[in-house]
Amino acid sequence: MTDVKAVVFDVGRVIVQWDLRYLFAKLIPETDRLDWFLANVVTQEWHFEHDAGRALADMVPERKAQFPQYAHLIDAYAARFLETIPGPVPGTLSLIEELAARDVPLFGITNFGAEFWAQFVPTMPIFDHFTDIVVSGTEKMVKPDRAIFDLAAARFGHAPAEMLFIDDNADNIASAQTLGWQVHLFTQAQGLAADLRSRGLIT
């Protein structure tokens, strides 16, 4: 196995917690109604359109026309998105700090809408340690498609085999592995820490 020369992080559910439910549970107290809303109105599939580069100015009015009775909640998706991110995933930030202290180059590849990314980044000084982050909504390409990994490898300046890619999504991991990246399927920081130690990246 080639020595790892750079570590590449996913963001949502690896560095920070993320779930649409964190926001909408505040706005829809009935569990059955909340479940229906998240399955039919503000769905992960619809949200993924913004991750893929579609503008909120197009998405939101269209969705409100489909579900006019939920217009105020669809507006809340656009206006209060940061409330879907309640805080860091326990333990990951300290691992990033340790990698940075050891001068390990850090990068990111994230499926994240460009407009929401612009709001989010200023809240997370941890990203000051990252040399570059490929954001799907900016590039209009998404994981697990090959194109975003090829773009990242070109921008980061390391061969895929020299980089460790960390993601919580098995499809993204499988795609990266097929393209020659070293990979870690993230479930919790403790498991990641053990992997990083085994590779000599942290102590």
N, C-alpha and C. Protein backbone atom coordinates (compact mmCIF):
# COMPACT_ATOMS: atom_id res chain seq x y z
N MET A 1 0.85 -1.19 0.00
CA MET A 1 0.00 0.00 0.00
C MET A 1 0.89 1.25 0.00
N THR A 2 0.60 2.15 -0.91
CA THR A 2 1.36 3.39 -1.02
C THR A 2 1.19 4.25 0.23
N ASP A 3 2.26 4.88 0.67
CA ASP A 3 2.14 5.79 1.81
C ASP A 3 1.19 6.93 1.48
N VAL A 4 0.39 7.32 2.46
CA VAL A 4 -0.56 8.42 2.27
C VAL A 4 0.18 9.75 2.41
N LYS A 5 0.05 10.59 1.38
CA LYS A 5 0.68 11.90 1.39
C LYS A 5 -0.31 13.04 1.63
N ALA A 6 -1.61 12.73 1.59
CA ALA A 6 -2.64 13.74 1.84
C ALA A 6 -3.90 13.03 2.29
N VAL A 7 -4.69 13.73 3.09
CA VAL A 7 -5.96 13.18 3.60
C VAL A 7 -7.10 14.07 3.10
N VAL A 8 -8.13 13.42 2.58
CA VAL A 8 -9.24 14.12 1.93
C VAL A 8 -10.53 13.75 2.65
N PHE A 9 -11.20 14.76 3.20
CA PHE A 9 -12.40 14.55 4.00
C PHE A 9 -13.67 14.90 3.23
N ASP A 10 -14.70 14.09 3.39
CA ASP A 10 -16.07 14.52 3.18
C ASP A 10 -16.42 15.46 4.34
N VAL A 11 -17.53 16.19 4.20
CA VAL A 11 -17.90 17.15 5.26
C VAL A 11 -19.11 16.66 6.05
N GLY A 12 -20.27 16.53 5.41
CA GLY A 12 -21.49 16.16 6.12
C GLY A 12 -21.44 14.76 6.66
N ARG A 13 -21.69 14.62 7.95
CA ARG A 13 -21.72 13.35 8.68
C ARG A 13 -20.34 12.73 8.87
N VAL A 14 -19.30 13.50 8.52
CA VAL A 14 -17.93 13.12 8.83
C VAL A 14 -17.29 14.19 9.71
N ILE A 15 -17.37 15.45 9.26
CA ILE A 15 -16.86 16.57 10.06
C ILE A 15 -17.97 17.21 10.88
N VAL A 16 -19.14 17.39 10.26
CA VAL A 16 -20.28 17.96 10.98
C VAL A 16 -21.49 17.05 10.83
N GLN A 17 -22.34 17.08 11.84
CA GLN A 17 -23.62 16.39 11.78
C GLN A 17 -24.53 17.11 10.78
N TRP A 18 -25.34 16.34 10.07
CA TRP A 18 -26.27 16.96 9.13
C TRP A 18 -27.51 16.09 8.96
N ASP A 19 -28.67 16.73 9.04
CA ASP A 19 -29.93 16.05 8.77
C ASP A 19 -31.01 17.12 8.61
N LEU A 20 -31.78 17.05 7.54
CA LEU A 20 -32.89 17.99 7.36
C LEU A 20 -33.84 17.97 8.56
N ARG A 21 -33.93 16.85 9.22
CA ARG A 21 -34.85 16.70 10.35
C ARG A 21 -34.49 17.63 11.51
N TYR A 22 -33.21 17.97 11.66
CA TYR A 22 -32.82 18.85 12.76
C TYR A 22 -33.56 20.18 12.68
N LEU A 23 -33.74 20.70 11.47
CA LEU A 23 -34.48 21.95 11.30
C LEU A 23 -35.98 21.72 11.41
N PHE A 24 -36.50 20.78 10.64
CA PHE A 24 -37.95 20.69 10.49
C PHE A 24 -38.65 20.09 11.69
N ALA A 25 -37.94 19.40 12.56
CA ALA A 25 -38.55 18.95 13.81
C ALA A 25 -38.92 20.13 14.70
N LYS A 26 -38.24 21.27 14.50
CA LYS A 26 -38.59 22.48 15.26
C LYS A 26 -39.88 23.10 14.73
N LEU A 27 -40.20 22.84 13.48
CA LEU A 27 -41.30 23.52 12.80
C LEU A 27 -42.53 22.66 12.63
N ILE A 28 -42.36 21.34 12.70
CA ILE A 28 -43.47 20.40 12.53
C ILE A 28 -43.45 19.46 13.73
N PRO A 29 -44.25 19.73 14.76
CA PRO A 29 -44.16 18.94 15.99
C PRO A 29 -44.71 17.52 15.88
N GLU A 30 -45.62 17.28 14.94
CA GLU A 30 -46.23 15.95 14.83
C GLU A 30 -45.31 15.03 14.03
N THR A 31 -44.92 13.91 14.63
CA THR A 31 -43.95 13.02 14.00
C THR A 31 -44.44 12.50 12.66
N ASP A 32 -45.70 12.09 12.58
CA ASP A 32 -46.22 11.54 11.32
C ASP A 32 -46.19 12.59 10.21
N ARG A 33 -46.58 13.81 10.55
CA ARG A 33 -46.58 14.89 9.56
C ARG A 33 -45.16 15.25 9.15
N LEU A 34 -44.25 15.25 10.10
CA LEU A 34 -42.84 15.53 9.81
C LEU A 34 -42.28 14.48 8.86
N ASP A 35 -42.56 13.21 9.14
CA ASP A 35 -42.07 12.13 8.29
C ASP A 35 -42.61 12.29 6.87
N TRP A 36 -43.88 12.61 6.75
CA TRP A 36 -44.49 12.78 5.42
C TRP A 36 -43.85 13.95 4.69
N PHE A 37 -43.65 15.04 5.39
CA PHE A 37 -43.06 16.24 4.77
C PHE A 37 -41.66 15.94 4.24
N LEU A 38 -40.85 15.24 5.02
CA LEU A 38 -39.48 14.95 4.60
C LEU A 38 -39.42 13.88 3.51
N ALA A 39 -40.47 13.08 3.41
CA ALA A 39 -40.52 12.06 2.36
C ALA A 39 -41.11 12.57 1.06
N ASN A 40 -41.82 13.72 1.12
CA ASN A 40 -42.56 14.15 -0.05
C ASN A 40 -42.32 15.60 -0.48
N VAL A 41 -41.91 16.47 0.42
CA VAL A 41 -41.80 17.89 0.08
C VAL A 41 -40.33 18.30 0.07
N VAL A 42 -39.75 18.55 1.22
CA VAL A 42 -38.31 18.83 1.29
C VAL A 42 -37.60 17.50 1.51
N THR A 43 -37.35 16.82 0.41
CA THR A 43 -36.75 15.49 0.45
C THR A 43 -35.24 15.58 0.25
N GLN A 44 -34.55 14.52 0.60
CA GLN A 44 -33.11 14.49 0.34
C GLN A 44 -32.84 14.53 -1.15
N GLU A 45 -33.70 13.89 -1.94
CA GLU A 45 -33.51 13.87 -3.39
C GLU A 45 -33.65 15.28 -3.97
N TRP A 46 -34.63 16.02 -3.49
CA TRP A 46 -34.81 17.40 -3.95
C TRP A 46 -33.64 18.27 -3.50
N HIS A 47 -33.24 18.12 -2.25
CA HIS A 47 -32.08 18.86 -1.74
C HIS A 47 -30.83 18.57 -2.57
N PHE A 48 -30.70 17.34 -3.04
CA PHE A 48 -29.53 16.94 -3.83
C PHE A 48 -29.42 17.74 -5.12
N GLU A 49 -30.55 18.26 -5.61
CA GLU A 49 -30.49 19.10 -6.81
C GLU A 49 -29.64 20.35 -6.55
N HIS A 50 -29.73 20.91 -5.35
CA HIS A 50 -28.89 22.06 -5.01
C HIS A 50 -27.43 21.62 -4.87
N ASP A 51 -27.21 20.45 -4.26
CA ASP A 51 -25.85 19.92 -4.19
C ASP A 51 -25.24 19.80 -5.59
N ALA A 52 -26.08 19.46 -6.57
CA ALA A 52 -25.60 19.24 -7.93
C ALA A 52 -25.45 20.52 -8.74
N GLY A 53 -25.82 21.66 -8.15
CA GLY A 53 -25.57 22.93 -8.80
C GLY A 53 -26.79 23.72 -9.19
N ARG A 54 -27.99 23.23 -8.88
CA ARG A 54 -29.19 23.98 -9.24
C ARG A 54 -29.40 25.11 -8.24
N ALA A 55 -29.78 26.29 -8.73
CA ALA A 55 -29.92 27.47 -7.88
C ALA A 55 -31.19 27.40 -7.04
N LEU A 56 -31.09 27.91 -5.82
CA LEU A 56 -32.28 27.99 -4.95
C LEU A 56 -33.37 28.85 -5.58
N ALA A 57 -32.98 29.86 -6.33
CA ALA A 57 -33.96 30.75 -6.97
C ALA A 57 -34.83 30.00 -7.97
N ASP A 58 -34.33 28.90 -8.49
CA ASP A 58 -35.13 28.05 -9.36
C ASP A 58 -35.90 27.00 -8.57
N MET A 59 -35.22 26.39 -7.62
CA MET A 59 -35.79 25.26 -6.88
C MET A 59 -36.96 25.66 -5.99
N VAL A 60 -36.77 26.73 -5.23
CA VAL A 60 -37.74 27.06 -4.19
C VAL A 60 -39.09 27.49 -4.76
N PRO A 61 -39.16 28.42 -5.71
CA PRO A 61 -40.47 28.78 -6.27
C PRO A 61 -41.18 27.60 -6.94
N GLU A 62 -40.43 26.76 -7.61
CA GLU A 62 -41.01 25.58 -8.24
C GLU A 62 -41.64 24.65 -7.20
N ARG A 63 -40.94 24.44 -6.11
CA ARG A 63 -41.46 23.54 -5.06
C ARG A 63 -42.66 24.16 -4.37
N LYS A 64 -42.61 25.46 -4.16
CA LYS A 64 -43.75 26.13 -3.51
C LYS A 64 -45.00 26.07 -4.40
N ALA A 65 -44.81 26.11 -5.71
CA ALA A 65 -45.95 25.97 -6.62
C ALA A 65 -46.54 24.57 -6.54
N GLN A 66 -45.70 23.56 -6.30
CA GLN A 66 -46.17 22.19 -6.17
C GLN A 66 -46.89 21.96 -4.84
N PHE A 67 -46.38 22.60 -3.78
CA PHE A 67 -46.90 22.38 -2.43
C PHE A 67 -47.18 23.74 -1.77
N PRO A 68 -48.18 24.48 -2.27
CA PRO A 68 -48.40 25.84 -1.75
C PRO A 68 -48.74 25.87 -0.26
N GLN A 69 -49.33 24.81 0.24
CA GLN A 69 -49.69 24.80 1.67
C GLN A 69 -48.46 24.72 2.56
N TYR A 70 -47.31 24.36 1.97
CA TYR A 70 -46.06 24.26 2.73
C TYR A 70 -45.07 25.34 2.34
N ALA A 71 -45.56 26.42 1.73
CA ALA A 71 -44.66 27.46 1.22
C ALA A 71 -43.75 28.01 2.32
N HIS A 72 -44.30 28.24 3.51
CA HIS A 72 -43.49 28.83 4.58
C HIS A 72 -42.38 27.87 5.03
N LEU A 73 -42.64 26.58 4.96
CA LEU A 73 -41.63 25.61 5.36
C LEU A 73 -40.56 25.44 4.28
N ILE A 74 -40.95 25.55 3.04
CA ILE A 74 -39.98 25.51 1.94
C ILE A 74 -39.09 26.74 2.00
N ASP A 75 -39.67 27.88 2.34
CA ASP A 75 -38.86 29.09 2.55
C ASP A 75 -37.87 28.88 3.70
N ALA A 76 -38.30 28.17 4.73
CA ALA A 76 -37.41 27.93 5.87
C ALA A 76 -36.21 27.08 5.45
N TYR A 77 -36.41 26.15 4.54
CA TYR A 77 -35.29 25.36 4.01
C TYR A 77 -34.21 26.28 3.46
N ALA A 78 -34.62 27.28 2.68
CA ALA A 78 -33.64 28.18 2.07
C ALA A 78 -33.05 29.16 3.09
N ALA A 79 -33.87 29.65 4.01
CA ALA A 79 -33.44 30.71 4.92
C ALA A 79 -32.72 30.18 6.17
N ARG A 80 -33.03 28.94 6.56
CA ARG A 80 -32.53 28.43 7.84
C ARG A 80 -31.74 27.14 7.69
N PHE A 81 -31.10 26.97 6.54
CA PHE A 81 -30.43 25.70 6.26
C PHE A 81 -29.37 25.37 7.31
N LEU A 82 -28.69 26.36 7.85
CA LEU A 82 -27.63 26.07 8.82
C LEU A 82 -28.16 25.35 10.05
N GLU A 83 -29.45 25.43 10.29
CA GLU A 83 -30.03 24.70 11.42
C GLU A 83 -30.15 23.21 11.15
N THR A 84 -29.87 22.77 9.93
CA THR A 84 -29.78 21.33 9.66
C THR A 84 -28.42 20.78 10.07
N ILE A 85 -27.52 21.66 10.52
CA ILE A 85 -26.16 21.30 10.92
C ILE A 85 -25.98 21.69 12.39
N PRO A 86 -26.29 20.80 13.32
CA PRO A 86 -26.31 21.20 14.73
C PRO A 86 -24.93 21.32 15.37
N GLY A 87 -23.91 20.75 14.75
CA GLY A 87 -22.59 20.84 15.35
C GLY A 87 -21.65 19.80 14.78
N PRO A 88 -20.43 19.75 15.28
CA PRO A 88 -19.44 18.81 14.76
C PRO A 88 -19.79 17.36 15.09
N VAL A 89 -19.31 16.45 14.26
CA VAL A 89 -19.32 15.03 14.60
C VAL A 89 -18.31 14.83 15.73
N PRO A 90 -18.69 14.19 16.82
CA PRO A 90 -17.77 14.04 17.94
C PRO A 90 -16.45 13.40 17.53
N GLY A 91 -15.37 14.11 17.87
CA GLY A 91 -14.03 13.55 17.70
C GLY A 91 -13.32 13.89 16.42
N THR A 92 -14.03 14.27 15.37
CA THR A 92 -13.36 14.48 14.08
C THR A 92 -12.50 15.73 14.08
N LEU A 93 -12.97 16.80 14.69
CA LEU A 93 -12.19 18.05 14.65
C LEU A 93 -10.82 17.86 15.30
N SER A 94 -10.76 17.11 16.38
CA SER A 94 -9.46 16.91 17.03
C SER A 94 -8.52 16.10 16.16
N LEU A 95 -9.05 15.18 15.37
CA LEU A 95 -8.21 14.43 14.44
C LEU A 95 -7.67 15.33 13.34
N ILE A 96 -8.51 16.24 12.85
CA ILE A 96 -8.05 17.19 11.84
C ILE A 96 -6.96 18.08 12.42
N GLU A 97 -7.15 18.54 13.64
CA GLU A 97 -6.13 19.37 14.29
C GLU A 97 -4.81 18.61 14.43
N GLU A 98 -4.90 17.34 14.78
CA GLU A 98 -3.68 16.54 14.94
C GLU A 98 -2.98 16.33 13.61
N LEU A 99 -3.74 16.05 12.56
CA LEU A 99 -3.15 15.91 11.23
C LEU A 99 -2.48 17.21 10.79
N ALA A 100 -3.16 18.33 11.03
CA ALA A 100 -2.61 19.63 10.65
C ALA A 100 -1.32 19.91 11.42
N ALA A 101 -1.30 19.56 12.71
CA ALA A 101 -0.11 19.79 13.52
C ALA A 101 1.08 18.97 13.02
N ARG A 102 0.79 17.87 12.36
CA ARG A 102 1.84 17.02 11.80
C ARG A 102 2.13 17.36 10.33
N ASP A 103 1.55 18.48 9.87
CA ASP A 103 1.79 18.98 8.51
C ASP A 103 1.34 18.01 7.42
N VAL A 104 0.27 17.24 7.73
CA VAL A 104 -0.32 16.38 6.70
C VAL A 104 -1.22 17.27 5.83
N PRO A 105 -1.02 17.31 4.52
CA PRO A 105 -1.89 18.12 3.66
C PRO A 105 -3.34 17.64 3.75
N LEU A 106 -4.26 18.59 3.90
CA LEU A 106 -5.68 18.28 4.08
C LEU A 106 -6.49 18.91 2.95
N PHE A 107 -7.45 18.13 2.46
CA PHE A 107 -8.32 18.57 1.38
C PHE A 107 -9.73 18.06 1.67
N GLY A 108 -10.69 18.51 0.86
CA GLY A 108 -12.07 18.06 1.01
C GLY A 108 -12.76 17.85 -0.32
N ILE A 109 -13.69 16.91 -0.35
CA ILE A 109 -14.63 16.74 -1.47
C ILE A 109 -16.00 16.60 -0.83
N THR A 110 -16.89 17.53 -1.12
CA THR A 110 -18.19 17.51 -0.46
C THR A 110 -19.33 17.75 -1.44
N ASN A 111 -20.40 16.98 -1.26
CA ASN A 111 -21.66 17.29 -1.93
C ASN A 111 -22.37 18.35 -1.09
N PHE A 112 -22.37 19.58 -1.58
CA PHE A 112 -22.87 20.71 -0.78
C PHE A 112 -23.28 21.80 -1.77
N GLY A 113 -24.48 22.34 -1.61
CA GLY A 113 -24.93 23.43 -2.46
C GLY A 113 -24.05 24.66 -2.32
N ALA A 114 -23.78 25.33 -3.42
CA ALA A 114 -22.87 26.47 -3.39
C ALA A 114 -23.37 27.59 -2.49
N GLU A 115 -24.68 27.87 -2.54
CA GLU A 115 -25.22 28.97 -1.74
C GLU A 115 -25.17 28.64 -0.26
N PHE A 116 -25.47 27.41 0.09
CA PHE A 116 -25.39 27.01 1.49
C PHE A 116 -23.94 26.93 1.96
N TRP A 117 -23.04 26.51 1.08
CA TRP A 117 -21.62 26.44 1.43
C TRP A 117 -21.09 27.82 1.81
N ALA A 118 -21.49 28.82 1.07
CA ALA A 118 -21.03 30.18 1.36
C ALA A 118 -21.48 30.65 2.74
N GLN A 119 -22.66 30.21 3.19
CA GLN A 119 -23.13 30.55 4.53
C GLN A 119 -22.39 29.75 5.60
N PHE A 120 -22.07 28.50 5.27
CA PHE A 120 -21.57 27.55 6.26
C PHE A 120 -20.10 27.75 6.58
N VAL A 121 -19.27 27.97 5.57
CA VAL A 121 -17.81 28.00 5.78
C VAL A 121 -17.37 28.98 6.85
N PRO A 122 -17.93 30.20 6.91
CA PRO A 122 -17.47 31.12 7.95
C PRO A 122 -17.73 30.64 9.38
N THR A 123 -18.62 29.67 9.55
CA THR A 123 -18.93 29.16 10.88
C THR A 123 -17.94 28.08 11.33
N MET A 124 -17.01 27.67 10.45
CA MET A 124 -16.15 26.51 10.72
C MET A 124 -14.68 26.86 10.48
N PRO A 125 -14.01 27.46 11.45
CA PRO A 125 -12.60 27.81 11.26
C PRO A 125 -11.70 26.61 11.03
N ILE A 126 -12.18 25.39 11.30
CA ILE A 126 -11.37 24.19 11.06
C ILE A 126 -10.93 24.11 9.61
N PHE A 127 -11.73 24.71 8.70
CA PHE A 127 -11.38 24.63 7.28
C PHE A 127 -10.17 25.49 6.92
N ASP A 128 -9.71 26.31 7.84
CA ASP A 128 -8.47 27.06 7.61
C ASP A 128 -7.29 26.10 7.42
N HIS A 129 -7.41 24.87 7.93
CA HIS A 129 -6.34 23.89 7.78
C HIS A 129 -6.34 23.23 6.41
N PHE A 130 -7.39 23.44 5.61
CA PHE A 130 -7.53 22.74 4.35
C PHE A 130 -6.93 23.57 3.21
N THR A 131 -6.14 22.91 2.37
CA THR A 131 -5.55 23.58 1.22
C THR A 131 -6.59 23.88 0.16
N ASP A 132 -7.52 22.96 -0.05
CA ASP A 132 -8.54 23.12 -1.09
C ASP A 132 -9.71 22.20 -0.77
N ILE A 133 -10.92 22.63 -1.14
CA ILE A 133 -12.11 21.81 -0.98
C ILE A 133 -12.91 21.89 -2.28
N VAL A 134 -13.18 20.74 -2.86
CA VAL A 134 -14.02 20.66 -4.06
C VAL A 134 -15.47 20.56 -3.60
N VAL A 135 -16.29 21.54 -4.00
CA VAL A 135 -17.69 21.64 -3.58
C VAL A 135 -18.58 21.33 -4.78
N SER A 136 -19.42 20.33 -4.64
CA SER A 136 -20.21 19.85 -5.78
C SER A 136 -21.06 20.94 -6.41
N GLY A 137 -21.70 21.75 -5.57
CA GLY A 137 -22.61 22.76 -6.10
C GLY A 137 -21.90 23.83 -6.91
N THR A 138 -20.66 24.09 -6.56
CA THR A 138 -19.85 25.05 -7.31
C THR A 138 -19.41 24.46 -8.64
N GLU A 139 -19.02 23.19 -8.61
CA GLU A 139 -18.46 22.55 -9.80
C GLU A 139 -19.54 21.93 -10.68
N LYS A 140 -20.77 21.80 -10.13
CA LYS A 140 -21.88 21.15 -10.85
C LYS A 140 -21.54 19.73 -11.25
N MET A 141 -20.91 19.04 -10.33
CA MET A 141 -20.65 17.61 -10.44
C MET A 141 -20.66 17.04 -9.03
N VAL A 142 -21.11 15.82 -8.87
CA VAL A 142 -21.37 15.28 -7.54
C VAL A 142 -20.72 13.91 -7.36
N LYS A 143 -20.42 13.59 -6.10
CA LYS A 143 -20.10 12.22 -5.75
C LYS A 143 -21.38 11.37 -5.87
N PRO A 144 -21.29 10.14 -6.32
CA PRO A 144 -20.09 9.35 -6.56
C PRO A 144 -19.58 9.37 -8.00
N ASP A 145 -19.97 10.34 -8.81
CA ASP A 145 -19.54 10.37 -10.21
C ASP A 145 -18.01 10.51 -10.31
N ARG A 146 -17.46 9.85 -11.29
CA ARG A 146 -16.01 9.86 -11.48
C ARG A 146 -15.47 11.28 -11.66
N ALA A 147 -16.24 12.13 -12.34
CA ALA A 147 -15.73 13.44 -12.73
C ALA A 147 -15.25 14.25 -11.53
N ILE A 148 -15.96 14.18 -10.42
CA ILE A 148 -15.58 15.01 -9.28
C ILE A 148 -14.29 14.50 -8.63
N PHE A 149 -14.08 13.19 -8.66
CA PHE A 149 -12.83 12.65 -8.13
C PHE A 149 -11.65 12.97 -9.04
N ASP A 150 -11.88 12.92 -10.35
CA ASP A 150 -10.81 13.29 -11.28
C ASP A 150 -10.43 14.76 -11.14
N LEU A 151 -11.45 15.62 -10.98
CA LEU A 151 -11.19 17.04 -10.77
C LEU A 151 -10.39 17.25 -9.50
N ALA A 152 -10.80 16.57 -8.43
CA ALA A 152 -10.11 16.72 -7.15
C ALA A 152 -8.65 16.29 -7.26
N ALA A 153 -8.40 15.17 -7.88
CA ALA A 153 -7.02 14.69 -8.00
C ALA A 153 -6.17 15.69 -8.78
N ALA A 154 -6.74 16.27 -9.83
CA ALA A 154 -6.00 17.26 -10.61
C ALA A 154 -5.71 18.52 -9.79
N ARG A 155 -6.70 18.95 -9.02
CA ARG A 155 -6.52 20.18 -8.24
C ARG A 155 -5.61 19.97 -7.03
N PHE A 156 -5.70 18.82 -6.41
CA PHE A 156 -4.95 18.60 -5.17
C PHE A 156 -3.48 18.32 -5.42
N GLY A 157 -3.15 17.87 -6.63
CA GLY A 157 -1.75 17.69 -6.97
C GLY A 157 -1.11 16.41 -6.45
N HIS A 158 -1.93 15.44 -6.09
CA HIS A 158 -1.44 14.13 -5.64
C HIS A 158 -2.14 13.05 -6.45
N ALA A 159 -1.42 11.96 -6.69
CA ALA A 159 -2.05 10.82 -7.34
C ALA A 159 -3.10 10.22 -6.41
N PRO A 160 -4.19 9.68 -6.94
CA PRO A 160 -5.21 9.06 -6.08
C PRO A 160 -4.63 8.05 -5.10
N ALA A 161 -3.67 7.26 -5.52
CA ALA A 161 -3.10 6.23 -4.65
C ALA A 161 -2.35 6.81 -3.47
N GLU A 162 -2.02 8.11 -3.54
CA GLU A 162 -1.29 8.77 -2.45
C GLU A 162 -2.22 9.49 -1.48
N MET A 163 -3.54 9.41 -1.75
CA MET A 163 -4.49 10.14 -0.91
C MET A 163 -5.45 9.18 -0.22
N LEU A 164 -5.77 9.50 1.03
CA LEU A 164 -6.77 8.76 1.79
C LEU A 164 -8.07 9.55 1.77
N PHE A 165 -9.11 8.97 1.19
CA PHE A 165 -10.41 9.61 1.09
C PHE A 165 -11.33 9.05 2.15
N ILE A 166 -11.95 9.95 2.93
CA ILE A 166 -12.80 9.58 4.07
C ILE A 166 -14.21 10.04 3.79
N ASP A 167 -15.18 9.11 3.83
CA ASP A 167 -16.57 9.46 3.53
C ASP A 167 -17.46 8.48 4.28
N ASP A 168 -18.67 8.93 4.62
CA ASP A 168 -19.62 8.04 5.31
C ASP A 168 -20.52 7.29 4.34
N ASN A 169 -20.45 7.61 3.05
CA ASN A 169 -21.34 7.03 2.06
C ASN A 169 -20.62 5.91 1.31
N ALA A 170 -21.16 4.70 1.39
CA ALA A 170 -20.49 3.53 0.81
C ALA A 170 -20.35 3.65 -0.71
N ASP A 171 -21.33 4.27 -1.37
CA ASP A 171 -21.24 4.44 -2.83
C ASP A 171 -20.08 5.36 -3.20
N ASN A 172 -19.89 6.42 -2.43
CA ASN A 172 -18.78 7.34 -2.69
C ASN A 172 -17.43 6.65 -2.46
N ILE A 173 -17.38 5.86 -1.41
CA ILE A 173 -16.16 5.12 -1.11
C ILE A 173 -15.84 4.13 -2.22
N ALA A 174 -16.86 3.40 -2.69
CA ALA A 174 -16.64 2.42 -3.75
C ALA A 174 -16.15 3.09 -5.03
N SER A 175 -16.72 4.24 -5.35
CA SER A 175 -16.31 4.96 -6.55
C SER A 175 -14.86 5.39 -6.45
N ALA A 176 -14.49 5.98 -5.33
CA ALA A 176 -13.11 6.43 -5.15
C ALA A 176 -12.14 5.26 -5.20
N GLN A 177 -12.50 4.17 -4.56
CA GLN A 177 -11.63 3.00 -4.53
C GLN A 177 -11.40 2.45 -5.94
N THR A 178 -12.45 2.43 -6.74
CA THR A 178 -12.34 1.97 -8.13
C THR A 178 -11.36 2.83 -8.91
N LEU A 179 -11.27 4.11 -8.54
CA LEU A 179 -10.38 5.04 -9.24
C LEU A 179 -8.98 5.08 -8.65
N GLY A 180 -8.72 4.20 -7.68
CA GLY A 180 -7.36 4.07 -7.16
C GLY A 180 -7.05 4.81 -5.89
N TRP A 181 -8.06 5.48 -5.31
CA TRP A 181 -7.84 6.17 -4.04
C TRP A 181 -7.74 5.15 -2.91
N GLN A 182 -6.97 5.49 -1.88
CA GLN A 182 -7.09 4.79 -0.61
C GLN A 182 -8.32 5.36 0.11
N VAL A 183 -9.02 4.52 0.86
CA VAL A 183 -10.32 4.94 1.38
C VAL A 183 -10.53 4.50 2.82
N HIS A 184 -11.42 5.24 3.48
CA HIS A 184 -11.90 4.87 4.82
C HIS A 184 -13.39 5.17 4.87
N LEU A 185 -14.20 4.15 5.10
CA LEU A 185 -15.64 4.33 5.28
C LEU A 185 -15.89 4.77 6.71
N PHE A 186 -16.31 6.02 6.87
CA PHE A 186 -16.44 6.62 8.21
C PHE A 186 -17.74 6.18 8.88
N THR A 187 -17.61 5.74 10.12
CA THR A 187 -18.77 5.51 10.97
C THR A 187 -18.68 6.32 12.26
N GLN A 188 -17.47 6.43 12.80
CA GLN A 188 -17.24 7.26 13.98
C GLN A 188 -15.76 7.62 14.05
N ALA A 189 -15.47 8.66 14.81
CA ALA A 189 -14.09 9.17 14.85
C ALA A 189 -13.12 8.16 15.45
N GLN A 190 -13.61 7.33 16.35
CA GLN A 190 -12.72 6.35 16.98
C GLN A 190 -12.14 5.39 15.94
N GLY A 191 -12.98 4.93 15.03
CA GLY A 191 -12.49 4.04 13.98
C GLY A 191 -11.54 4.74 13.03
N LEU A 192 -11.83 5.99 12.70
CA LEU A 192 -10.93 6.75 11.85
C LEU A 192 -9.59 6.96 12.53
N ALA A 193 -9.61 7.28 13.81
CA ALA A 193 -8.36 7.48 14.54
C ALA A 193 -7.49 6.23 14.48
N ALA A 194 -8.09 5.06 14.64
CA ALA A 194 -7.33 3.82 14.59
C ALA A 194 -6.70 3.63 13.21
N ASP A 195 -7.46 3.95 12.15
CA ASP A 195 -6.94 3.82 10.80
C ASP A 195 -5.78 4.80 10.58
N LEU A 196 -5.96 6.05 11.00
CA LEU A 196 -4.89 7.04 10.82
C LEU A 196 -3.63 6.64 11.58
N ARG A 197 -3.79 6.07 12.76
CA ARG A 197 -2.61 5.62 13.53
C ARG A 197 -1.91 4.46 12.81
N SER A 198 -2.70 3.56 12.26
CA SER A 198 -2.11 2.40 11.59
C SER A 198 -1.29 2.82 10.38
N ARG A 199 -1.62 3.96 9.81
CA ARG A 199 -0.91 4.48 8.65
C ARG A 199 0.23 5.43 9.04
N GLY A 200 0.41 5.65 10.34
CA GLY A 200 1.47 6.52 10.81
C GLY A 200 1.19 8.00 10.63
N LEU A 201 -0.08 8.34 10.42
CA LEU A 201 -0.43 9.75 10.18
C LEU A 201 -0.65 10.54 11.47
N ILE A 202 -1.04 9.84 12.53
CA ILE A 202 -1.14 10.44 13.86
C ILE A 202 -0.54 9.46 14.85
N THR A 203 -0.35 9.93 16.08
CA THR A 203 0.24 9.05 17.09
C THR A 203 -0.81 8.62 18.10
